[in-house]
Amino acid sequence: MNNGETKKFVIAIARGYGSGGKLIGSLLSEKLGIQLIDRNLLSMASVQSGISEDMFAMTDEKVRKRFYDFRDDKKFDYDVIPPESAGFLSDKNLFNWEARVLLELALVEPFIVIGRAADFVLKHTRHCFSVNIQADYEDCVKEISERMYVSEEEAAQMVNKNDKYRAEFYKTYTGQEWNNITNYDMCLNTSKLSRRKCVDIIINAAQTKFGFSVMHD
């Protein structure tokens, strides 16, 4: 790699609800000085597609059951379709627009991305490191209860619901299981490791995979 060339890489984070995965993404973004892609992906896809951001929000890591379920498609592609097409506002096309934004961005700059099946979308890009961050169920419930100021019973329902949405979303668009460890370069349990320790581990592992430093020169 030439010294003057911008290092292009992606760290894709899948995370359980309440595991601290989003915080780890933020800490990575801050330490590496690169962009964090999370819900801002919705506005980026909206600008490119001309579709309302509200439409993207309706399918954000969820699957709308009333729409066509294409998990059985023999081949899935990322081709977007024009506005005059009947499926322009379909879940599949909305996902494709988000995937297109990520794929194009990976060509020009390094970034961290949270969720959105990004590990699958970007797995064939030149430098992508994927990590699945989870925590013990009881710790996830406690985290959500304290963060959202709700009872542990309510927090448990929130954890169950959000993890179910994420698993269904991942299965729909990848055909694979969200928590299958073989889908990722690394899996971490924040019940066993601090968030900041996870950041250091991810950086070291990503550098080992890429063969270059991801830190500022």
Protein backbone atom coordinates (compact mmCIF):
# COMPACT_ATOMS: atom_id res chain seq x y z
CA MET A 1 0.00 0.00 0.00
CA ASN A 2 1.42 3.43 -0.95
CA ASN A 3 2.07 5.80 1.93
CA GLY A 4 -0.07 8.46 0.30
CA GLU A 5 -3.04 6.17 -0.27
CA THR A 6 -6.01 6.42 2.08
CA LYS A 7 -6.43 3.19 3.99
CA LYS A 8 -9.88 1.88 3.13
CA PHE A 9 -11.36 -0.59 5.57
CA VAL A 10 -14.63 -1.35 7.34
CA ILE A 11 -15.36 -2.72 10.78
CA ALA A 12 -18.88 -4.20 10.72
CA ILE A 13 -20.54 -4.72 14.11
CA ALA A 14 -23.49 -7.01 14.75
CA ARG A 15 -24.77 -6.67 18.30
CA GLY A 16 -27.30 -7.99 20.73
CA TYR A 17 -29.69 -5.48 22.26
CA GLY A 18 -28.18 -4.28 25.53
CA SER A 19 -24.73 -5.73 24.81
CA GLY A 20 -23.02 -2.37 24.42
CA GLY A 21 -22.21 -2.94 20.75
CA LYS A 22 -23.27 0.56 19.72
CA LEU A 23 -21.08 2.13 22.41
CA ILE A 24 -18.15 0.02 21.24
CA GLY A 25 -18.78 1.28 17.71
CA SER A 26 -18.74 4.86 18.97
CA LEU A 27 -15.53 4.30 20.90
CA LEU A 28 -13.91 2.74 17.82
CA SER A 29 -15.03 5.66 15.69
CA GLU A 30 -13.56 8.13 18.17
CA LYS A 31 -10.27 6.28 18.59
CA LEU A 32 -9.72 5.68 14.88
CA GLY A 33 -11.07 9.06 13.79
CA ILE A 34 -13.43 7.59 11.20
CA GLN A 35 -17.14 7.81 10.52
CA LEU A 36 -19.71 5.72 12.41
CA ILE A 37 -22.59 4.51 10.25
CA ASP A 38 -25.74 3.65 12.19
CA ARG A 39 -29.13 5.29 11.75
CA ASN A 40 -27.52 7.94 9.56
CA LEU A 41 -27.46 5.22 6.89
CA LEU A 42 -31.21 5.81 6.52
CA SER A 43 -30.77 9.47 5.61
CA MET A 44 -27.88 8.65 3.28
CA ALA A 45 -29.98 6.07 1.42
CA SER A 46 -32.90 8.51 1.33
CA VAL A 47 -30.77 11.20 -0.33
CA GLN A 48 -29.47 8.78 -2.97
CA SER A 49 -32.79 7.12 -3.73
CA GLY A 50 -35.22 10.00 -3.33
CA ILE A 51 -37.31 7.78 -1.04
CA SER A 52 -38.54 9.28 2.23
CA GLU A 53 -36.35 8.53 5.22
CA ASP A 54 -39.53 7.49 7.05
CA MET A 55 -39.89 4.58 4.62
CA PHE A 56 -36.39 3.37 5.46
CA ALA A 57 -37.13 3.77 9.18
CA MET A 58 -40.13 1.43 8.86
CA THR A 59 -37.85 -1.41 7.79
CA ASP A 60 -34.79 -0.54 9.87
CA GLU A 61 -33.50 -3.99 10.91
CA LYS A 62 -37.07 -5.29 10.71
CA VAL A 63 -39.06 -7.28 8.16
CA ARG A 64 -42.58 -6.15 7.26
CA LYS A 65 -44.52 -9.40 7.10
CA ARG A 66 -47.18 -8.10 4.73
CA PHE A 67 -44.57 -7.70 2.01
CA TYR A 68 -43.13 -10.40 -0.21
CA ASP A 69 -40.71 -12.66 1.65
CA PHE A 70 -37.82 -13.40 -0.69
CA ARG A 71 -35.72 -15.64 1.55
CA ASP A 72 -36.24 -18.48 -0.91
CA ASP A 73 -34.79 -16.58 -3.88
CA LYS A 74 -32.04 -18.68 -5.43
CA LYS A 75 -29.80 -15.66 -5.81
CA PHE A 76 -29.92 -12.32 -4.05
CA ASP A 77 -28.47 -9.24 -5.70
CA TYR A 78 -28.12 -5.60 -4.75
CA ASP A 79 -29.61 -4.05 -7.88
CA VAL A 80 -31.92 -1.12 -7.17
CA ILE A 81 -34.97 -0.58 -9.36
CA PRO A 82 -36.35 2.65 -10.87
CA PRO A 83 -39.24 4.68 -9.38
CA GLU A 84 -41.71 3.53 -12.02
CA SER A 85 -41.30 -0.11 -10.96
CA ALA A 86 -43.97 -1.72 -8.81
CA GLY A 87 -41.50 -2.80 -6.15
CA PHE A 88 -39.72 0.54 -5.76
CA LEU A 89 -40.86 0.88 -2.13
CA SER A 90 -40.54 -2.82 -1.30
CA ASP A 91 -38.45 -4.02 1.63
CA LYS A 92 -36.03 -5.59 -0.82
CA ASN A 93 -35.41 -2.39 -2.75
CA LEU A 94 -35.02 -0.35 0.44
CA PHE A 95 -32.44 -2.83 1.69
CA ASN A 96 -30.68 -2.71 -1.67
CA TRP A 97 -30.38 1.07 -1.47
CA GLU A 98 -28.79 0.82 1.96
CA ALA A 99 -26.44 -1.91 0.71
CA ARG A 100 -25.52 0.23 -2.28
CA VAL A 101 -24.59 3.16 -0.01
CA LEU A 102 -22.35 0.92 2.09
CA LEU A 103 -20.67 -0.68 -0.92
CA GLU A 104 -19.97 2.68 -2.54
CA LEU A 105 -18.69 4.20 0.69
CA ALA A 106 -16.32 1.28 1.22
CA LEU A 107 -14.57 2.26 -2.01
CA VAL A 108 -13.68 5.75 -0.82
CA GLU A 109 -13.21 5.86 2.96
CA PRO A 110 -12.84 3.78 6.13
CA PHE A 111 -15.80 3.56 8.52
CA ILE A 112 -17.50 1.63 11.31
CA VAL A 113 -21.00 0.29 10.62
CA ILE A 114 -23.55 -0.97 13.14
CA GLY A 115 -25.96 -3.77 12.18
CA ARG A 116 -27.87 -3.75 8.85
CA ALA A 117 -26.37 -7.17 7.93
CA ALA A 118 -23.28 -5.17 6.93
CA ASP A 119 -20.93 -8.09 7.54
CA PHE A 120 -22.76 -9.95 4.75
CA VAL A 121 -23.17 -6.97 2.43
CA LEU A 122 -19.49 -6.07 2.65
CA LYS A 123 -17.90 -9.51 2.96
CA HIS A 124 -16.39 -9.35 -0.53
CA THR A 125 -14.94 -5.88 -0.13
CA ARG A 126 -11.17 -5.70 0.11
CA HIS A 127 -10.80 -5.04 3.83
CA CYS A 128 -13.77 -5.80 6.08
CA PHE A 129 -13.53 -7.03 9.65
CA SER A 130 -16.77 -8.35 11.16
CA VAL A 131 -17.51 -8.77 14.84
CA ASN A 132 -20.59 -9.99 16.70
CA ILE A 133 -20.92 -8.44 20.15
CA GLN A 134 -23.17 -10.14 22.68
CA ALA A 135 -23.59 -10.27 26.46
CA ASP A 136 -25.19 -12.60 28.97
CA TYR A 137 -28.98 -12.26 28.83
CA GLU A 138 -29.28 -11.06 32.43
CA ASP A 139 -26.71 -8.34 31.80
CA CYS A 140 -28.54 -7.17 28.67
CA VAL A 141 -31.80 -6.91 30.62
CA LYS A 142 -30.10 -4.98 33.42
CA GLU A 143 -28.43 -2.63 30.94
CA ILE A 144 -31.72 -1.81 29.19
CA SER A 145 -33.62 -1.47 32.47
CA GLU A 146 -31.12 1.10 33.75
CA ARG A 147 -30.68 2.93 30.45
CA MET A 148 -34.38 3.16 29.55
CA TYR A 149 -35.68 3.58 33.14
CA VAL A 150 -38.03 0.60 32.86
CA SER A 151 -38.65 -2.46 35.01
CA GLU A 152 -36.58 -5.58 34.39
CA GLU A 153 -39.71 -7.29 33.09
CA GLU A 154 -40.24 -4.55 30.52
CA ALA A 155 -36.53 -4.58 29.68
CA ALA A 156 -36.64 -8.34 29.08
CA GLN A 157 -39.50 -7.87 26.63
CA MET A 158 -37.51 -5.18 24.81
CA VAL A 159 -34.41 -7.36 24.59
CA ASN A 160 -36.42 -10.32 23.29
CA LYS A 161 -38.29 -8.21 20.74
CA ASN A 162 -35.26 -6.38 19.35
CA ASP A 163 -33.09 -9.47 19.11
CA LYS A 164 -35.93 -11.28 17.35
CA TYR A 165 -36.25 -8.44 14.83
CA ARG A 166 -32.52 -8.48 14.16
CA ALA A 167 -32.40 -12.25 13.74
CA GLU A 168 -35.35 -12.21 11.30
CA PHE A 169 -33.85 -9.32 9.35
CA TYR A 170 -30.49 -11.06 9.04
CA LYS A 171 -32.07 -14.36 8.03
CA THR A 172 -34.23 -12.68 5.40
CA TYR A 173 -31.41 -10.85 3.65
CA THR A 174 -28.55 -13.31 4.11
CA GLY A 175 -30.24 -16.71 4.39
CA GLN A 176 -28.06 -17.33 7.44
CA GLU A 177 -28.41 -17.29 11.21
CA TRP A 178 -27.61 -13.99 12.92
CA ASN A 179 -25.77 -15.59 15.87
CA ASN A 180 -23.89 -18.23 13.90
CA ILE A 181 -20.33 -17.51 15.00
CA THR A 182 -18.90 -18.74 11.68
CA ASN A 183 -20.41 -15.71 9.93
CA TYR A 184 -18.02 -13.37 11.72
CA ASP A 185 -14.30 -12.81 12.08
CA MET A 186 -14.70 -12.45 15.83
CA CYS A 187 -17.33 -12.77 18.58
CA LEU A 188 -17.03 -10.95 21.91
CA ASN A 189 -18.99 -11.18 25.16
CA THR A 190 -19.14 -7.88 27.04
CA SER A 191 -20.15 -9.69 30.22
CA LYS A 192 -16.58 -10.99 30.25
CA LEU A 193 -14.73 -7.98 28.79
CA SER A 194 -15.08 -4.23 29.28
CA ARG A 195 -16.22 -2.10 26.36
CA ARG A 196 -12.83 -0.41 26.10
CA LYS A 197 -11.00 -3.73 26.19
CA CYS A 198 -13.24 -4.89 23.33
CA VAL A 199 -12.18 -1.81 21.35
CA ASP A 200 -8.50 -2.69 21.75
CA ILE A 201 -9.11 -6.34 20.87
CA ILE A 202 -11.05 -5.43 17.72
CA ILE A 203 -8.39 -2.98 16.55
CA ASN A 204 -5.59 -5.49 17.06
CA ALA A 205 -7.50 -8.29 15.35
CA ALA A 206 -8.52 -6.09 12.41
CA GLN A 207 -4.91 -5.00 11.90
CA THR A 208 -3.79 -8.61 11.95
CA LYS A 209 -6.35 -9.49 9.28
CA PHE A 210 -5.67 -6.46 7.08
CA GLY A 211 -1.92 -6.48 7.40
CA PHE A 212 -1.69 -2.76 8.09
CA SER A 213 -2.31 -0.31 10.93
CA VAL A 214 -5.79 1.21 11.16
CA MET A 215 -4.53 3.96 13.45
CA HIS A 216 -3.66 7.47 12.24
CA ASP A 217 -0.18 7.71 10.76
